[in-house]
Protein backbone atom coordinates (compact mmCIF):
# COMPACT_ATOMS: atom_id res chain seq x y z
CA MET A 1 -5.05 -2.54 30.19
CA ALA A 2 -2.66 0.38 30.23
CA ARG A 3 -4.02 3.88 29.73
CA LEU A 4 -2.72 5.24 26.46
CA ARG A 5 -1.21 8.67 26.66
CA PRO A 6 0.85 10.73 24.22
CA VAL A 7 4.54 9.86 24.46
CA ASP A 8 7.11 12.50 23.60
CA PHE A 9 10.57 11.93 22.21
CA GLU A 10 12.11 13.10 25.49
CA ASP A 11 10.13 10.60 27.60
CA ARG A 12 12.03 7.61 28.92
CA LEU A 13 9.87 4.52 29.30
CA THR A 14 10.93 1.22 30.76
CA LEU A 15 10.81 -2.00 28.75
CA VAL A 16 7.74 -3.11 30.70
CA GLU A 17 5.96 0.17 29.88
CA HIS A 18 6.79 -0.22 26.18
CA LEU A 19 5.48 -3.80 26.16
CA ASP A 20 2.38 -2.72 28.06
CA GLU A 21 1.70 0.03 25.52
CA LEU A 22 2.29 -2.40 22.63
CA ARG A 23 -0.12 -4.93 24.15
CA THR A 24 -2.79 -2.26 24.56
CA ARG A 25 -2.45 -1.07 20.99
CA ILE A 26 -2.61 -4.65 19.67
CA ILE A 27 -5.81 -5.26 21.68
CA ILE A 28 -7.35 -2.08 20.25
CA SER A 29 -6.41 -3.17 16.71
CA ILE A 30 -7.90 -6.62 17.22
CA ALA A 31 -11.08 -5.12 18.69
CA ALA A 32 -11.41 -2.80 15.67
CA PHE A 33 -11.03 -5.79 13.34
CA VAL A 34 -13.63 -7.83 15.26
CA VAL A 35 -16.17 -4.99 15.12
CA ALA A 36 -15.49 -4.47 11.40
CA PHE A 37 -15.79 -8.21 10.75
CA ALA A 38 -19.14 -8.37 12.54
CA LEU A 39 -20.39 -5.47 10.41
CA CYS A 40 -19.09 -6.99 7.17
CA PHE A 41 -20.50 -10.45 7.94
CA TRP A 42 -23.85 -8.84 8.70
CA GLN A 43 -23.74 -7.16 5.27
CA ASN A 44 -22.11 -10.09 3.46
CA ASN A 45 -24.75 -10.15 0.71
CA ARG A 46 -23.93 -6.58 -0.20
CA LEU A 47 -20.21 -7.32 -0.11
CA LEU A 48 -20.61 -10.29 -2.44
CA ASP A 49 -22.70 -8.16 -4.82
CA ILE A 50 -19.89 -5.58 -4.89
CA ALA A 51 -17.30 -8.29 -5.56
CA ASN A 52 -19.42 -9.86 -8.31
CA ASP A 53 -20.11 -6.57 -10.07
CA PRO A 54 -16.93 -6.62 -12.25
CA LEU A 55 -17.96 -9.99 -13.74
CA PRO A 56 -19.22 -9.61 -17.34
CA GLY A 57 -22.77 -10.50 -18.29
CA GLY A 58 -24.05 -10.62 -14.73
CA LYS A 59 -22.31 -13.95 -14.07
CA THR A 60 -22.48 -15.42 -10.57
CA PRO A 61 -19.75 -17.61 -9.05
CA ILE A 62 -20.62 -21.22 -8.20
CA THR A 63 -19.57 -23.44 -5.30
CA PHE A 64 -18.86 -27.18 -5.17
CA GLY A 65 -18.29 -28.11 -1.53
CA VAL A 66 -20.87 -28.32 1.25
CA ALA A 67 -19.06 -25.80 3.43
CA GLU A 68 -17.72 -23.62 0.60
CA PRO A 69 -20.53 -21.00 0.67
CA PHE A 70 -19.92 -20.40 4.37
CA THR A 71 -16.11 -20.43 4.25
CA THR A 72 -16.05 -18.20 1.18
CA THR A 73 -18.41 -15.70 2.82
CA VAL A 74 -16.26 -15.65 5.96
CA THR A 75 -13.11 -15.09 3.88
CA VAL A 76 -14.61 -12.21 1.91
CA SER A 77 -15.95 -10.65 5.12
CA ALA A 78 -12.52 -10.93 6.74
CA TYR A 79 -10.80 -9.20 3.82
CA ALA A 80 -13.36 -6.39 3.87
CA ALA A 81 -13.05 -6.06 7.65
CA LEU A 82 -9.29 -5.71 7.35
CA VAL A 83 -9.76 -2.83 4.92
CA LEU A 84 -12.28 -1.12 7.21
CA ALA A 85 -10.11 -1.56 10.29
CA LEU A 86 -6.94 -0.50 8.48
CA PRO A 87 -7.11 3.19 9.56
CA VAL A 88 -7.32 2.19 13.23
CA ILE A 89 -4.54 -0.39 12.87
CA LEU A 90 -2.27 2.05 11.04
CA TYR A 91 -2.93 4.75 13.62
CA GLN A 92 -1.97 2.40 16.45
CA LEU A 93 1.20 1.48 14.58
CA TYR A 94 2.09 5.11 13.87
CA ALA A 95 1.36 6.15 17.45
CA PHE A 96 3.70 3.45 18.75
CA ILE A 97 6.56 4.31 16.37
CA LEU A 98 6.40 8.11 16.07
CA PRO A 99 7.57 8.92 19.63
CA ALA A 100 10.93 7.36 18.73
CA LEU A 101 11.45 10.05 16.08
CA THR A 102 12.80 13.52 16.61
CA THR A 103 10.83 16.60 15.54
CA ARG A 104 12.91 16.91 12.37
CA GLU A 105 12.45 13.24 11.53
CA LYS A 106 8.69 13.55 12.07
CA ARG A 107 8.54 16.40 9.53
CA VAL A 108 10.05 14.03 6.97
CA VAL A 109 8.29 10.80 7.91
CA VAL A 110 4.72 11.91 8.71
CA PRO A 111 3.87 13.06 5.13
CA PHE A 112 4.96 9.64 3.88
CA LEU A 113 2.77 7.92 6.47
CA VAL A 114 -0.21 9.98 5.36
CA MET A 115 0.44 9.18 1.69
CA VAL A 116 0.57 5.39 2.23
CA PRO A 117 -3.17 4.77 2.95
CA LEU A 118 -4.27 7.39 0.41
CA LEU A 119 -2.21 5.79 -2.36
CA PHE A 120 -3.39 2.33 -1.33
CA ILE A 121 -7.03 3.40 -1.57
CA ALA A 122 -6.34 4.99 -4.97
CA GLY A 123 -4.80 1.71 -6.17
CA VAL A 124 -7.76 -0.33 -4.93
CA VAL A 125 -10.23 2.03 -6.63
CA PHE A 126 -8.27 1.87 -9.90
CA GLY A 127 -8.10 -1.92 -9.68
CA TYR A 128 -11.83 -2.28 -9.04
CA PHE A 129 -13.14 0.10 -11.69
CA VAL A 130 -10.50 -0.34 -14.41
CA VAL A 131 -8.36 -3.47 -14.05
CA LEU A 132 -10.89 -6.05 -12.85
CA PRO A 133 -13.63 -5.35 -15.46
CA ALA A 134 -11.12 -5.47 -18.31
CA ALA A 135 -9.36 -8.57 -16.97
CA THR A 136 -12.53 -10.58 -16.32
CA LYS A 137 -14.08 -9.59 -19.63
CA PHE A 138 -11.00 -10.69 -21.59
CA LEU A 139 -10.26 -13.86 -19.65
CA LEU A 140 -13.84 -15.15 -19.39
CA ASN A 141 -14.62 -14.47 -23.07
CA PHE A 142 -11.38 -15.90 -24.43
CA ASN A 143 -12.19 -18.99 -26.53
CA ASP A 144 -15.56 -19.13 -24.86
CA ASN A 145 -17.00 -21.21 -27.71
CA GLN A 146 -14.59 -24.03 -26.83
CA PHE A 147 -15.27 -24.18 -23.10
CA ASN A 148 -18.19 -24.36 -20.71
CA ILE A 149 -16.94 -21.47 -18.62
CA GLN A 150 -18.01 -21.52 -15.00
CA ILE A 151 -16.59 -19.35 -12.23
CA ARG A 152 -15.74 -21.00 -8.93
CA ALA A 153 -16.41 -18.65 -6.03
CA ARG A 154 -13.25 -19.48 -4.07
CA ASP A 155 -10.99 -18.95 -7.08
CA TYR A 156 -12.69 -15.76 -8.23
CA TYR A 157 -12.68 -14.08 -4.83
CA SER A 158 -9.01 -14.98 -4.38
CA PHE A 159 -8.29 -13.40 -7.77
CA PHE A 160 -10.45 -10.40 -6.84
CA THR A 161 -8.69 -9.83 -3.51
CA LEU A 162 -5.19 -10.43 -4.86
CA THR A 163 -5.70 -8.02 -7.76
CA LEU A 164 -6.96 -5.20 -5.53
CA ALA A 165 -4.23 -5.77 -2.94
CA VAL A 166 -1.49 -5.78 -5.57
CA MET A 167 -2.85 -2.63 -7.20
CA GLY A 168 -2.87 -0.95 -3.80
CA LEU A 169 0.74 -1.99 -3.24
CA ILE A 170 2.07 -0.91 -6.64
CA PHE A 171 0.52 2.51 -6.07
CA GLN A 172 3.10 2.84 -3.27
CA LEU A 173 5.75 3.38 -5.97
CA PRO A 174 5.98 7.15 -5.27
CA ILE A 175 6.78 6.40 -1.62
CA GLY A 176 9.74 4.23 -2.60
CA ILE A 177 11.08 6.71 -5.13
CA LEU A 178 10.75 9.67 -2.77
CA ALA A 179 12.41 7.67 0.01
CA VAL A 180 15.52 6.78 -2.02
CA THR A 181 15.86 10.33 -3.33
CA ARG A 182 15.43 11.93 0.09
CA LEU A 183 18.01 9.55 1.50
CA GLY A 184 20.43 10.54 -1.24
CA ILE A 185 20.74 6.99 -2.63
CA ILE A 186 19.81 8.23 -6.11
CA THR A 187 19.00 11.61 -7.62
CA PRO A 188 15.92 12.60 -9.66
CA GLU A 189 18.24 13.35 -12.58
CA GLN A 190 19.53 9.78 -12.54
CA LEU A 191 15.98 8.44 -12.45
CA ALA A 192 15.01 10.58 -15.43
CA HIS A 193 18.13 9.66 -17.37
CA ASN A 194 17.57 5.92 -16.86
CA ARG A 195 13.82 5.94 -17.43
CA ARG A 196 14.07 3.52 -20.37
CA TYR A 197 15.47 0.85 -18.05
CA ALA A 198 12.83 1.72 -15.47
CA TYR A 199 10.10 1.23 -18.09
CA ILE A 200 11.42 -2.25 -18.86
CA VAL A 201 11.39 -3.15 -15.17
CA LEU A 202 7.86 -1.77 -14.78
CA LEU A 203 6.63 -3.80 -17.77
CA ILE A 204 8.16 -6.93 -16.24
CA VAL A 205 6.42 -6.14 -12.95
CA ALA A 206 3.11 -5.62 -14.78
CA ALA A 207 3.56 -8.99 -16.52
CA LEU A 208 4.02 -10.69 -13.13
CA LEU A 209 0.87 -9.14 -11.65
CA PRO A 210 -2.46 -11.03 -11.56
CA GLY A 211 -4.24 -11.32 -14.89
CA THR A 212 -1.74 -13.26 -17.04
CA ASP A 213 -3.08 -11.68 -20.22
CA PRO A 214 -1.70 -8.84 -22.40
CA VAL A 215 -4.74 -6.60 -21.93
CA THR A 216 -4.49 -6.63 -18.15
CA MET A 217 -0.71 -6.26 -18.32
CA LEU A 218 -0.97 -3.08 -20.40
CA ILE A 219 -3.71 -1.67 -18.17
CA GLU A 220 -1.57 -2.30 -15.09
CA ALA A 221 1.59 -0.94 -16.76
CA VAL A 222 0.05 2.45 -17.57
CA PRO A 223 -0.41 3.61 -13.94
CA LEU A 224 3.05 2.29 -13.07
CA ILE A 225 4.65 4.47 -15.73
CA VAL A 226 2.50 7.48 -14.79
CA LEU A 227 3.36 7.00 -11.09
CA TYR A 228 7.05 6.73 -11.95
CA GLU A 229 7.09 9.96 -13.93
CA GLY A 230 4.99 11.75 -11.31
CA SER A 231 7.34 10.54 -8.57
CA VAL A 232 10.39 11.84 -10.43
CA LEU A 233 8.71 15.22 -10.87
CA LEU A 234 7.70 15.32 -7.21
CA ALA A 235 11.22 14.35 -6.13
CA ARG A 236 12.60 17.28 -8.15
CA LEU A 237 10.13 19.69 -6.56
CA LEU A 238 10.90 18.54 -3.03
CA GLY A 239 14.63 18.66 -3.57
CA ARG A 240 16.94 17.78 -0.71
CA SER A 241 15.67 16.66 2.67
CA ASP A 242 15.25 19.12 5.51
CA GLU A 243 18.13 17.57 7.37
CA GLU A 244 20.51 18.08 4.45
CA ALA A 245 19.23 21.57 3.74
CA THR A 246 19.64 22.75 7.33
CA GLU A 247 22.88 20.93 8.06
CA PRO A 248 25.27 23.49 9.53
CA GLU A 249 28.61 24.01 7.90
CA ILE A 250 31.62 23.19 10.03
CA ALA A 251 34.12 26.00 10.09
CA VAL A 252 37.71 24.86 9.85
CA SER A 253 40.24 27.27 11.28
CA GLU A 254 43.59 27.46 9.55
CA PRO A 255 46.66 26.93 11.74
CA PRO A 256 48.72 30.04 12.42
CA PRO A 257 51.92 30.57 10.42
CA SER A 258 54.92 28.80 11.82
CA GLY A 259 56.77 32.10 12.41
CA ALA A 260 53.98 33.64 14.46
CA ALA A 261 54.43 34.18 18.17
């Protein structure tokens, strides 16, 4: 295994050295996931209790197949392990990519890279404490006098994981808005002027998210709108990118008069 060392922008590595570094970072990421998975599988009862907590009335999911309890536990442990190992995996990814950037590009990119995991965690927390309890309460109590409502473990944990993952992803909205404004593709003024169209798009996105009910859709639409408005305000505060702000002006010399010697 290659010894990892800091790589500067000025360093020139061969293709073999790049591949060797990539292989080492992939091995480290896999090792972090394996350790996290072992820890999560060891504490699988606690993980399942956490996943079941949003269910109303203390309901417990049921299983039908012989192997379903084991496979479901492994799946939940794997999802939790991925979340635990995510900081190590992201660091290995950042460390492999950042040397390709100049100092000026790093000043622009690094804050975005720091915001990505923080916003993802914020989305997961919002999904767990706000979206999931409201969604499960509405869906499992809808027309409950007409159905013998039982919750299959595999289906519920898929819904649980998908909802949290999607909420973590939609909380990346500020990253996308800041990126297009910093690149000059669109201005904050244009975003503010066309906010009515943006709201319609955000409502459509909320309708397509997990939940399929109006209560969940409205709960998911609120943070989208708040994130949009906050992103527009942040884009105005940041203004132009450093590269644009420090771009030197090119002086153009006028040609001498035709009668000059």
